[in-house]
Each structure stands twice: as C-alpha cells, then as structure tokens.
Amino acid sequence: MRPILIDDLLAAAEAALALAPEARAETLVRWLDEAHAADLYRKRLGRVHPRWGLGSLGARARCEPRCRPLRPDGARLAALGLVLASVTLWRRRVFSRTPASPI
C-alpha cells in the first residue's frame, strides 16, 4: 500500500462515520486490504484500480459516502482513533507475514 498520510486517515474517518458503528472496524480493515490490493494492481498494470483507486487508504475511503465535518467533535475524534487502531493492527498482520530482512 502507498504510504498512509494524515489526509488518508481523515478521509477514512469521515467515510467510517457514514457506516453503522458496529460495522466500522471490520470495514476499515477491508478498506486497508483493498487499498493494498489496488496498489499492487497499479504497480503491476500501470493504471488505477477501477473500483479502489490509486492504492492509498484515502483513495479507497473516497469511494464511499462521507460525513464532512465542520469541526471535530467526539464522534469524529473516536472515528479517527478507530482508523489509527485499525491501521496499527493491519500493519502488524501484514508485516508479520513477511520475513524480516537482515540489515
């Protein structure tokens, strides 16, 4: 997957707010998997994935309806926290599958 930037986190949090609260964590992990797959698609075929975008979390999240905040509130901050936790868990899962390279 492409590097995760602050705009990616914010876009994912805004899109997560449009989901039912009980579906958010599972959906965020799916979006991370799809963003990773889209990046591999882009690298292999030299074009943007037709459904999931460029291979960034933000591009994947922008494929979904979003709640655009006027200012941060408790729900938006909680959604951002959930995005950060999901990214952390996803990275542990993905990087634990690849052997460590000697430095």
PDB file of N, CA and C in Angstrom:
ATOM      1  N   MET A   1       0.852  -1.171   0.000  1.00  0.00           N
ATOM      2  CA  MET A   1       0.000   0.000   0.000  1.00  0.00           C
ATOM      3  C   MET A   1       0.894   1.228   0.000  1.00  0.00           C
ATOM      4  N   ARG A   2       0.366   2.279  -0.576  1.00  0.00           N
ATOM      5  CA  ARG A   2       1.098   3.541  -0.573  1.00  0.00           C
ATOM      6  C   ARG A   2       1.211   4.051   0.867  1.00  0.00           C
ATOM      7  N   PRO A   3       2.165   4.939   1.131  1.00  0.00           N
ATOM      8  CA  PRO A   3       2.305   5.470   2.497  1.00  0.00           C
ATOM      9  C   PRO A   3       0.996   6.088   2.992  1.00  0.00           C
ATOM     10  N   ILE A   4       0.718   5.910   4.260  1.00  0.00           N
ATOM     11  CA  ILE A   4      -0.506   6.447   4.857  1.00  0.00           C
ATOM     12  C   ILE A   4      -0.204   7.833   5.405  1.00  0.00           C
ATOM     13  N   LEU A   5      -0.873   8.828   4.849  1.00  0.00           N
ATOM     14  CA  LEU A   5      -0.696  10.223   5.236  1.00  0.00           C
ATOM     15  C   LEU A   5      -1.878  10.681   6.089  1.00  0.00           C
ATOM     16  N   ILE A   6      -1.736  11.831   6.713  1.00  0.00           N
ATOM     17  CA  ILE A   6      -2.805  12.349   7.582  1.00  0.00           C
ATOM     18  C   ILE A   6      -4.115  12.531   6.810  1.00  0.00           C
ATOM     19  N   ASP A   7      -4.035  12.958   5.552  1.00  0.00           N
ATOM     20  CA  ASP A   7      -5.260  13.106   4.757  1.00  0.00           C
ATOM     21  C   ASP A   7      -5.953  11.763   4.535  1.00  0.00           C
ATOM     22  N   ASP A   8      -5.171  10.691   4.410  1.00  0.00           N
ATOM     23  CA  ASP A   8      -5.762   9.357   4.279  1.00  0.00           C
ATOM     24  C   ASP A   8      -6.531   8.988   5.545  1.00  0.00           C
ATOM     25  N   LEU A   9      -5.930   9.277   6.694  1.00  0.00           N
ATOM     26  CA  LEU A   9      -6.583   8.975   7.971  1.00  0.00           C
ATOM     27  C   LEU A   9      -7.878   9.761   8.127  1.00  0.00           C
ATOM     28  N   LEU A  10      -7.833  11.043   7.773  1.00  0.00           N
ATOM     29  CA  LEU A  10      -9.031  11.879   7.893  1.00  0.00           C
ATOM     30  C   LEU A  10     -10.126  11.429   6.934  1.00  0.00           C
ATOM     31  N   ALA A  11      -9.762  11.085   5.693  1.00  0.00           N
ATOM     32  CA  ALA A  11     -10.760  10.612   4.722  1.00  0.00           C
ATOM     33  C   ALA A  11     -11.396   9.310   5.198  1.00  0.00           C
ATOM     34  N   ALA A  12     -10.586   8.413   5.746  1.00  0.00           N
ATOM     35  CA  ALA A  12     -11.129   7.145   6.244  1.00  0.00           C
ATOM     36  C   ALA A  12     -12.052   7.374   7.437  1.00  0.00           C
ATOM     37  N   ALA A  13     -11.686   8.293   8.314  1.00  0.00           N
ATOM     38  CA  ALA A  13     -12.542   8.594   9.470  1.00  0.00           C
ATOM     39  C   ALA A  13     -13.872   9.184   9.018  1.00  0.00           C
ATOM     40  N   GLU A  14     -13.841  10.088   8.045  1.00  0.00           N
ATOM     41  CA  GLU A  14     -15.080  10.686   7.539  1.00  0.00           C
ATOM     42  C   GLU A  14     -15.970   9.633   6.890  1.00  0.00           C
ATOM     43  N   ALA A  15     -15.364   8.717   6.120  1.00  0.00           N
ATOM     44  CA  ALA A  15     -16.152   7.662   5.482  1.00  0.00           C
ATOM     45  C   ALA A  15     -16.675   6.667   6.520  1.00  0.00           C
ATOM     46  N   ALA A  16     -15.890   6.393   7.551  1.00  0.00           N
ATOM     47  CA  ALA A  16     -16.320   5.452   8.592  1.00  0.00           C
ATOM     48  C   ALA A  16     -17.537   5.978   9.345  1.00  0.00           C
ATOM     49  N   LEU A  17     -17.637   7.289   9.478  1.00  0.00           N
ATOM     50  CA  LEU A  17     -18.787   7.864  10.185  1.00  0.00           C
ATOM     51  C   LEU A  17     -20.105   7.615   9.461  1.00  0.00           C
ATOM     52  N   ALA A  18     -20.045   7.370   8.158  1.00  0.00           N
ATOM     53  CA  ALA A  18     -21.266   7.095   7.400  1.00  0.00           C
ATOM     54  C   ALA A  18     -21.740   5.651   7.598  1.00  0.00           C
ATOM     55  N   LEU A  19     -20.932   4.826   8.262  1.00  0.00           N
ATOM     56  CA  LEU A  19     -21.267   3.420   8.499  1.00  0.00           C
ATOM     57  C   LEU A  19     -21.942   3.245   9.857  1.00  0.00           C
ATOM     58  N   ALA A  20     -22.621   2.131  10.007  1.00  0.00           N
ATOM     59  CA  ALA A  20     -23.146   1.775  11.326  1.00  0.00           C
ATOM     60  C   ALA A  20     -21.959   1.547  12.260  1.00  0.00           C
ATOM     61  N   PRO A  21     -22.038   2.009  13.500  1.00  0.00           N
ATOM     62  CA  PRO A  21     -20.893   1.878  14.417  1.00  0.00           C
ATOM     63  C   PRO A  21     -20.350   0.459  14.544  1.00  0.00           C
ATOM     64  N   GLU A  22     -21.236  -0.539  14.534  1.00  0.00           N
ATOM     65  CA  GLU A  22     -20.774  -1.915  14.705  1.00  0.00           C
ATOM     66  C   GLU A  22     -20.048  -2.457  13.467  1.00  0.00           C
ATOM     67  N   ALA A  23     -20.173  -1.790  12.323  1.00  0.00           N
ATOM     68  CA  ALA A  23     -19.523  -2.252  11.087  1.00  0.00           C
ATOM     69  C   ALA A  23     -18.202  -1.543  10.806  1.00  0.00           C
ATOM     70  N   ARG A  24     -17.879  -0.531  11.569  1.00  0.00           N
ATOM     71  CA  ARG A  24     -16.726   0.319  11.235  1.00  0.00           C
ATOM     72  C   ARG A  24     -15.390  -0.402  11.279  1.00  0.00           C
ATOM     73  N   ALA A  25     -15.084  -1.097  12.350  1.00  0.00           N
ATOM     74  CA  ALA A  25     -13.760  -1.723  12.495  1.00  0.00           C
ATOM     75  C   ALA A  25     -13.508  -2.749  11.392  1.00  0.00           C
ATOM     76  N   GLU A  26     -14.467  -3.622  11.159  1.00  0.00           N
ATOM     77  CA  GLU A  26     -14.314  -4.646  10.120  1.00  0.00           C
ATOM     78  C   GLU A  26     -14.191  -4.009   8.736  1.00  0.00           C
ATOM     79  N   THR A  27     -14.976  -2.980   8.478  1.00  0.00           N
ATOM     80  CA  THR A  27     -14.930  -2.308   7.181  1.00  0.00           C
ATOM     81  C   THR A  27     -13.601  -1.603   6.971  1.00  0.00           C
ATOM     82  N   LEU A  28     -13.056  -0.984   8.007  1.00  0.00           N
ATOM     83  CA  LEU A  28     -11.760  -0.314   7.876  1.00  0.00           C
ATOM     84  C   LEU A  28     -10.657  -1.302   7.511  1.00  0.00           C
ATOM     85  N   VAL A  29     -10.662  -2.464   8.123  1.00  0.00           N
ATOM     86  CA  VAL A  29      -9.656  -3.476   7.782  1.00  0.00           C
ATOM     87  C   VAL A  29      -9.830  -3.920   6.326  1.00  0.00           C
ATOM     88  N   ARG A  30     -11.071  -4.068   5.889  1.00  0.00           N
ATOM     89  CA  ARG A  30     -11.326  -4.436   4.485  1.00  0.00           C
ATOM     90  C   ARG A  30     -10.813  -3.351   3.555  1.00  0.00           C
ATOM     91  N   TRP A  31     -11.061  -2.066   3.889  1.00  0.00           N
ATOM     92  CA  TRP A  31     -10.561  -0.966   3.056  1.00  0.00           C
ATOM     93  C   TRP A  31      -9.040  -0.980   2.980  1.00  0.00           C
ATOM     94  N   LEU A  32      -8.373  -1.292   4.087  1.00  0.00           N
ATOM     95  CA  LEU A  32      -6.909  -1.379   4.077  1.00  0.00           C
ATOM     96  C   LEU A  32      -6.444  -2.502   3.149  1.00  0.00           C
ATOM     97  N   ASP A  33      -7.099  -3.655   3.218  1.00  0.00           N
ATOM     98  CA  ASP A  33      -6.759  -4.761   2.315  1.00  0.00           C
ATOM     99  C   ASP A  33      -6.999  -4.367   0.859  1.00  0.00           C
ATOM    100  N   GLU A  34      -8.104  -3.695   0.597  1.00  0.00           N
ATOM    101  CA  GLU A  34      -8.424  -3.291  -0.773  1.00  0.00           C
ATOM    102  C   GLU A  34      -7.469  -2.215  -1.276  1.00  0.00           C
ATOM    103  N   ALA A  35      -7.081  -1.287  -0.423  1.00  0.00           N
ATOM    104  CA  ALA A  35      -6.100  -0.269  -0.823  1.00  0.00           C
ATOM    105  C   ALA A  35      -4.768  -0.926  -1.158  1.00  0.00           C
ATOM    106  N   HIS A  36      -4.372  -1.905  -0.362  1.00  0.00           N
ATOM    107  CA  HIS A  36      -3.129  -2.628  -0.630  1.00  0.00           C
ATOM    108  C   HIS A  36      -3.220  -3.365  -1.969  1.00  0.00           C
ATOM    109  N   ALA A  37      -4.346  -4.040  -2.208  1.00  0.00           N
ATOM    110  CA  ALA A  37      -4.548  -4.745  -3.478  1.00  0.00           C
ATOM    111  C   ALA A  37      -4.551  -3.765  -4.650  1.00  0.00           C
ATOM    112  N   ALA A  38      -5.153  -2.596  -4.466  1.00  0.00           N
ATOM    113  CA  ALA A  38      -5.179  -1.585  -5.529  1.00  0.00           C
ATOM    114  C   ALA A  38      -3.774  -1.083  -5.845  1.00  0.00           C
ATOM    115  N   ASP A  39      -2.935  -0.948  -4.826  1.00  0.00           N
ATOM    116  CA  ASP A  39      -1.556  -0.512  -5.061  1.00  0.00           C
ATOM    117  C   ASP A  39      -0.784  -1.576  -5.836  1.00  0.00           C
ATOM    118  N   LEU A  40      -0.963  -2.841  -5.490  1.00  0.00           N
ATOM    119  CA  LEU A  40      -0.317  -3.922  -6.240  1.00  0.00           C
ATOM    120  C   LEU A  40      -0.804  -3.944  -7.691  1.00  0.00           C
ATOM    121  N   TYR A  41      -2.093  -3.724  -7.890  1.00  0.00           N
ATOM    122  CA  TYR A  41      -2.686  -3.651  -9.228  1.00  0.00           C
ATOM    123  C   TYR A  41      -2.044  -2.516 -10.022  1.00  0.00           C
ATOM    124  N   ARG A  42      -1.928  -1.352  -9.396  1.00  0.00           N
ATOM    125  CA  ARG A  42      -1.334  -0.180 -10.046  1.00  0.00           C
ATOM    126  C   ARG A  42       0.121  -0.446 -10.427  1.00  0.00           C
ATOM    127  N   LYS A  43       0.864  -1.062  -9.522  1.00  0.00           N
ATOM    128  CA  LYS A  43       2.274  -1.358  -9.803  1.00  0.00           C
ATOM    129  C   LYS A  43       2.418  -2.385 -10.923  1.00  0.00           C
ATOM    130  N   ARG A  44       1.552  -3.375 -10.929  1.00  0.00           N
ATOM    131  CA  ARG A  44       1.662  -4.443 -11.922  1.00  0.00           C
ATOM    132  C   ARG A  44       1.163  -4.016 -13.295  1.00  0.00           C
ATOM    133  N   LEU A  45       0.039  -3.304 -13.346  1.00  0.00           N
ATOM    134  CA  LEU A  45      -0.583  -2.990 -14.632  1.00  0.00           C
ATOM    135  C   LEU A  45      -0.376  -1.549 -15.089  1.00  0.00           C
ATOM    136  N   GLY A  46       0.142  -0.704 -14.205  1.00  0.00           N
ATOM    137  CA  GLY A  46       0.419   0.675 -14.585  1.00  0.00           C
ATOM    138  C   GLY A  46      -0.812   1.554 -14.726  1.00  0.00           C
ATOM    139  N   ARG A  47      -1.901   1.170 -14.084  1.00  0.00           N
ATOM    140  CA  ARG A  47      -3.109   2.006 -14.121  1.00  0.00           C
ATOM    141  C   ARG A  47      -3.859   1.881 -12.797  1.00  0.00           C
ATOM    142  N   VAL A  48      -4.741   2.821 -12.586  1.00  0.00           N
ATOM    143  CA  VAL A  48      -5.517   2.889 -11.348  1.00  0.00           C
ATOM    144  C   VAL A  48      -6.528   1.746 -11.306  1.00  0.00           C
ATOM    145  N   HIS A  49      -6.711   1.174 -10.127  1.00  0.00           N
ATOM    146  CA  HIS A  49      -7.721   0.129  -9.959  1.00  0.00           C
ATOM    147  C   HIS A  49      -9.097   0.749 -10.209  1.00  0.00           C
ATOM    148  N   PRO A  50      -9.955   0.093 -10.999  1.00  0.00           N
ATOM    149  CA  PRO A  50     -11.240   0.708 -11.360  1.00  0.00           C
ATOM    150  C   PRO A  50     -12.204   0.942 -10.200  1.00  0.00           C
ATOM    151  N   ARG A  51     -12.093   0.155  -9.125  1.00  0.00           N
ATOM    152  CA  ARG A  51     -13.026   0.327  -8.006  1.00  0.00           C
ATOM    153  C   ARG A  51     -12.384   0.917  -6.767  1.00  0.00           C
ATOM    154  N   TRP A  52     -11.078   0.689  -6.571  1.00  0.00           N
ATOM    155  CA  TRP A  52     -10.449   1.041  -5.303  1.00  0.00           C
ATOM    156  C   TRP A  52      -9.401   2.137  -5.411  1.00  0.00           C
ATOM    157  N   GLY A  53      -9.196   2.682  -6.590  1.00  0.00           N
ATOM    158  CA  GLY A  53      -8.328   3.848  -6.725  1.00  0.00           C
ATOM    159  C   GLY A  53      -6.846   3.555  -6.849  1.00  0.00           C
ATOM    160  N   LEU A  54      -6.043   4.513  -6.404  1.00  0.00           N
ATOM    161  CA  LEU A  54      -4.587   4.518  -6.600  1.00  0.00           C
ATOM    162  C   LEU A  54      -3.804   3.569  -5.703  1.00  0.00           C
ATOM    163  N   GLY A  55      -4.404   3.105  -4.650  1.00  0.00           N
ATOM    164  CA  GLY A  55      -3.685   2.249  -3.722  1.00  0.00           C
ATOM    165  C   GLY A  55      -3.381   2.910  -2.399  1.00  0.00           C
ATOM    166  N   SER A  56      -4.012   4.041  -2.140  1.00  0.00           N
ATOM    167  CA  SER A  56      -3.871   4.690  -0.830  1.00  0.00           C
ATOM    168  C   SER A  56      -5.162   4.476  -0.038  1.00  0.00           C
ATOM    169  N   LEU A  57      -5.044   4.552   1.271  1.00  0.00           N
ATOM    170  CA  LEU A  57      -6.230   4.427   2.118  1.00  0.00           C
ATOM    171  C   LEU A  57      -7.224   5.543   1.810  1.00  0.00           C
ATOM    172  N   GLY A  58      -6.722   6.751   1.599  1.00  0.00           N
ATOM    173  CA  GLY A  58      -7.601   7.876   1.296  1.00  0.00           C
ATOM    174  C   GLY A  58      -8.365   7.685  -0.002  1.00  0.00           C
ATOM    175  N   ALA A  59      -7.676   7.196  -1.038  1.00  0.00           N
ATOM    176  CA  ALA A  59      -8.350   6.954  -2.317  1.00  0.00           C
ATOM    177  C   ALA A  59      -9.447   5.911  -2.146  1.00  0.00           C
ATOM    178  N   ARG A  60      -9.161   4.868  -1.365  1.00  0.00           N
ATOM    179  CA  ARG A  60     -10.176   3.835  -1.132  1.00  0.00           C
ATOM    180  C   ARG A  60     -11.350   4.400  -0.342  1.00  0.00           C
ATOM    181  N   ALA A  61     -11.065   5.175   0.679  1.00  0.00           N
ATOM    182  CA  ALA A  61     -12.133   5.739   1.505  1.00  0.00           C
ATOM    183  C   ALA A  61     -12.995   6.715   0.714  1.00  0.00           C
ATOM    184  N   ARG A  62     -12.392   7.423  -0.231  1.00  0.00           N
ATOM    185  CA  ARG A  62     -13.154   8.402  -1.020  1.00  0.00           C
ATOM    186  C   ARG A  62     -14.105   7.749  -2.015  1.00  0.00           C
ATOM    187  N   CYS A  63     -14.039   6.437  -2.155  1.00  0.00           N
ATOM    188  CA  CYS A  63     -15.011   5.707  -2.978  1.00  0.00           C
ATOM    189  C   CYS A  63     -16.341   5.539  -2.243  1.00  0.00           C
ATOM    190  N   GLU A  64     -16.372   5.888  -0.980  1.00  0.00           N
ATOM    191  CA  GLU A  64     -17.548   5.706  -0.123  1.00  0.00           C
ATOM    192  C   GLU A  64     -18.190   7.053   0.198  1.00  0.00           C
ATOM    193  N   PRO A  65     -19.481   7.039   0.585  1.00  0.00           N
ATOM    194  CA  PRO A  65     -20.098   8.277   1.081  1.00  0.00           C
ATOM    195  C   PRO A  65     -19.365   8.749   2.337  1.00  0.00           C
ATOM    196  N   ARG A  66     -19.292  10.056   2.516  1.00  0.00           N
ATOM    197  CA  ARG A  66     -18.549  10.596   3.665  1.00  0.00           C
ATOM    198  C   ARG A  66     -19.416  11.568   4.450  1.00  0.00           C
ATOM    199  N   CYS A  67     -19.071  11.724   5.717  1.00  0.00           N
ATOM    200  CA  CYS A  67     -19.618  12.773   6.564  1.00  0.00           C
ATOM    201  C   CYS A  67     -18.539  13.845   6.644  1.00  0.00           C
ATOM    202  N   ARG A  68     -18.777  14.957   6.043  1.00  0.00           N
ATOM    203  CA  ARG A  68     -17.767  16.022   6.031  1.00  0.00           C
ATOM    204  C   ARG A  68     -17.940  16.883   7.274  1.00  0.00           C
ATOM    205  N   PRO A  69     -16.956  16.878   8.167  1.00  0.00           N
ATOM    206  CA  PRO A  69     -17.122  17.635   9.413  1.00  0.00           C
ATOM    207  C   PRO A  69     -16.871  19.124   9.228  1.00  0.00           C
ATOM    208  N   LEU A  70     -17.616  19.922   9.940  1.00  0.00           N
ATOM    209  CA  LEU A  70     -17.332  21.349  10.011  1.00  0.00           C
ATOM    210  C   LEU A  70     -16.261  21.604  11.055  1.00  0.00           C
ATOM    211  N   ARG A  71     -16.290  20.815  12.120  1.00  0.00           N
ATOM    212  CA  ARG A  71     -15.258  20.894  13.163  1.00  0.00           C
ATOM    213  C   ARG A  71     -15.226  19.554  13.896  1.00  0.00           C
ATOM    214  N   PRO A  72     -14.094  19.231  14.505  1.00  0.00           N
ATOM    215  CA  PRO A  72     -14.009  17.947  15.213  1.00  0.00           C
ATOM    216  C   PRO A  72     -14.979  17.894  16.395  1.00  0.00           C
ATOM    217  N   ASP A  73     -15.642  16.781  16.539  1.00  0.00           N
ATOM    218  CA  ASP A  73     -16.462  16.539  17.720  1.00  0.00           C
ATOM    219  C   ASP A  73     -16.101  15.149  18.248  1.00  0.00           C
ATOM    220  N   GLY A  74     -16.761  14.720  19.274  1.00  0.00           N
ATOM    221  CA  GLY A  74     -16.427  13.442  19.894  1.00  0.00           C
ATOM    222  C   GLY A  74     -16.524  12.260  18.942  1.00  0.00           C
ATOM    223  N   ALA A  75     -17.570  12.218  18.124  1.00  0.00           N
ATOM    224  CA  ALA A  75     -17.749  11.098  17.198  1.00  0.00           C
ATOM    225  C   ALA A  75     -16.647  11.068  16.146  1.00  0.00           C
ATOM    226  N   ARG A  76     -16.277  12.231  15.649  1.00  0.00           N
ATOM    227  CA  ARG A  76     -15.231  12.290  14.622  1.00  0.00           C
ATOM    228  C   ARG A  76     -13.864  11.926  15.199  1.00  0.00           C
ATOM    229  N   LEU A  77     -13.597  12.366  16.409  1.00  0.00           N
ATOM    230  CA  LEU A  77     -12.335  12.002  17.052  1.00  0.00           C
ATOM    231  C   LEU A  77     -12.297  10.504  17.359  1.00  0.00           C
ATOM    232  N   ALA A  78     -13.424   9.935  17.771  1.00  0.00           N
ATOM    233  CA  ALA A  78     -13.489   8.494  18.021  1.00  0.00           C
ATOM    234  C   ALA A  78     -13.274   7.716  16.722  1.00  0.00           C
ATOM    235  N   ALA A  79     -13.861   8.196  15.624  1.00  0.00           N
ATOM    236  CA  ALA A  79     -13.667   7.537  14.331  1.00  0.00           C
ATOM    237  C   ALA A  79     -12.204   7.600  13.907  1.00  0.00           C
ATOM    238  N   LEU A  80     -11.560   8.734  14.126  1.00  0.00           N
ATOM    239  CA  LEU A  80     -10.143   8.861  13.800  1.00  0.00           C
ATOM    240  C   LEU A  80      -9.310   7.903  14.658  1.00  0.00           C
ATOM    241  N   GLY A  81      -9.650   7.777  15.929  1.00  0.00           N
ATOM    242  CA  GLY A  81      -8.963   6.822  16.796  1.00  0.00           C
ATOM    243  C   GLY A  81      -9.129   5.392  16.313  1.00  0.00           C
ATOM    244  N   LEU A  82     -10.337   5.059  15.839  1.00  0.00           N
ATOM    245  CA  LEU A  82     -10.586   3.718  15.314  1.00  0.00           C
ATOM    246  C   LEU A  82      -9.774   3.473  14.047  1.00  0.00           C
ATOM    247  N   VAL A  83      -9.665   4.485  13.193  1.00  0.00           N
ATOM    248  CA  VAL A  83      -8.845   4.357  11.983  1.00  0.00           C
ATOM    249  C   VAL A  83      -7.393   4.083  12.365  1.00  0.00           C
ATOM    250  N   LEU A  84      -6.865   4.852  13.307  1.00  0.00           N
ATOM    251  CA  LEU A  84      -5.476   4.654  13.739  1.00  0.00           C
ATOM    252  C   LEU A  84      -5.266   3.251  14.311  1.00  0.00           C
ATOM    253  N   ALA A  85      -6.195   2.780  15.123  1.00  0.00           N
ATOM    254  CA  ALA A  85      -6.086   1.435  15.690  1.00  0.00           C
ATOM    255  C   ALA A  85      -6.152   0.375  14.591  1.00  0.00           C
ATOM    256  N   SER A  86      -7.028   0.570  13.610  1.00  0.00           N
ATOM    257  CA  SER A  86      -7.155  -0.386  12.508  1.00  0.00           C
ATOM    258  C   SER A  86      -5.884  -0.438  11.675  1.00  0.00           C
ATOM    259  N   VAL A  87      -5.294   0.717  11.402  1.00  0.00           N
ATOM    260  CA  VAL A  87      -4.039   0.761  10.643  1.00  0.00           C
ATOM    261  C   VAL A  87      -2.941   0.024  11.408  1.00  0.00           C
ATOM    262  N   THR A  88      -2.856   0.253  12.703  1.00  0.00           N
ATOM    263  CA  THR A  88      -1.841  -0.412  13.521  1.00  0.00           C
ATOM    264  C   THR A  88      -2.007  -1.929  13.477  1.00  0.00           C
ATOM    265  N   LEU A  89      -3.225  -2.412  13.665  1.00  0.00           N
ATOM    266  CA  LEU A  89      -3.480  -3.860  13.615  1.00  0.00           C
ATOM    267  C   LEU A  89      -3.215  -4.431  12.229  1.00  0.00           C
ATOM    268  N   TRP A  90      -3.622  -3.716  11.186  1.00  0.00           N
ATOM    269  CA  TRP A  90      -3.414  -4.179   9.816  1.00  0.00           C
ATOM    270  C   TRP A  90      -1.924  -4.289   9.518  1.00  0.00           C
ATOM    271  N   ARG A  91      -1.164  -3.272   9.910  1.00  0.00           N
ATOM    272  CA  ARG A  91       0.284  -3.296   9.656  1.00  0.00           C
ATOM    273  C   ARG A  91       0.949  -4.465  10.384  1.00  0.00           C
ATOM    274  N   ARG A  92       0.547  -4.732  11.607  1.00  0.00           N
ATOM    275  CA  ARG A  92       1.106  -5.881  12.337  1.00  0.00           C
ATOM    276  C   ARG A  92       0.806  -7.184  11.613  1.00  0.00           C
ATOM    277  N   ARG A  93      -0.424  -7.314  11.136  1.00  0.00           N
ATOM    278  CA  ARG A  93      -0.825  -8.544  10.442  1.00  0.00           C
ATOM    279  C   ARG A  93      -0.062  -8.707   9.136  1.00  0.00           C
ATOM    280  N   VAL A  94       0.007  -7.657   8.340  1.00  0.00           N
ATOM    281  CA  VAL A  94       0.655  -7.733   7.032  1.00  0.00           C
ATOM    282  C   VAL A  94       2.156  -7.927   7.171  1.00  0.00           C
ATOM    283  N   PHE A  95       2.779  -7.165   8.034  1.00  0.00           N
ATOM    284  CA  PHE A  95       4.231  -7.232   8.139  1.00  0.00           C
ATOM    285  C   PHE A  95       4.711  -8.450   8.916  1.00  0.00           C
ATOM    286  N   SER A  96       3.849  -9.101   9.667  1.00  0.00           N
ATOM    287  CA  SER A  96       4.266 -10.318  10.363  1.00  0.00           C
ATOM    288  C   SER A  96       4.334 -11.502   9.399  1.00  0.00           C
ATOM    289  N   ARG A  97       3.705 -11.382   8.226  1.00  0.00           N
ATOM    290  CA  ARG A  97       3.741 -12.444   7.221  1.00  0.00           C
ATOM    291  C   ARG A  97       5.022 -12.429   6.402  1.00  0.00           C
ATOM    292  N   THR A  98       5.679 -11.281   6.323  1.00  0.00           N
ATOM    293  CA  THR A  98       6.883 -11.178   5.508  1.00  0.00           C
ATOM    294  C   THR A  98       8.109 -11.392   6.377  1.00  0.00           C
ATOM    295  N   PRO A  99       9.076 -12.164   5.894  1.00  0.00           N
ATOM    296  CA  PRO A  99      10.276 -12.389   6.698  1.00  0.00           C
ATOM    297  C   PRO A  99      11.069 -11.100   6.865  1.00  0.00           C
ATOM    298  N   ALA A 100      11.670 -10.958   8.023  1.00  0.00           N
ATOM    299  CA  ALA A 100      12.481  -9.769   8.298  1.00  0.00           C
ATOM    300  C   ALA A 100      13.739  -9.817   7.442  1.00  0.00           C
ATOM    301  N   SER A 101      14.088  -8.690   6.872  1.00  0.00           N
ATOM    302  CA  SER A 101      15.300  -8.637   6.057  1.00  0.00           C
ATOM    303  C   SER A 101      16.483  -8.269   6.937  1.00  0.00           C
ATOM    304  N   PRO A 102      17.623  -8.908   6.724  1.00  0.00           N
ATOM    305  CA  PRO A 102      18.800  -8.563   7.529  1.00  0.00           C
ATOM    306  C   PRO A 102      19.306  -7.177   7.176  1.00  0.00           C
ATOM    307  N   ILE A 103      19.721  -6.464   8.169  1.00  0.00           N
ATOM    308  CA  ILE A 103      20.217  -5.099   7.941  1.00  0.00           C
ATOM    309  C   ILE A 103      21.717  -5.083   8.063  1.00  0.00           C
TER     310      ILE A 103
END
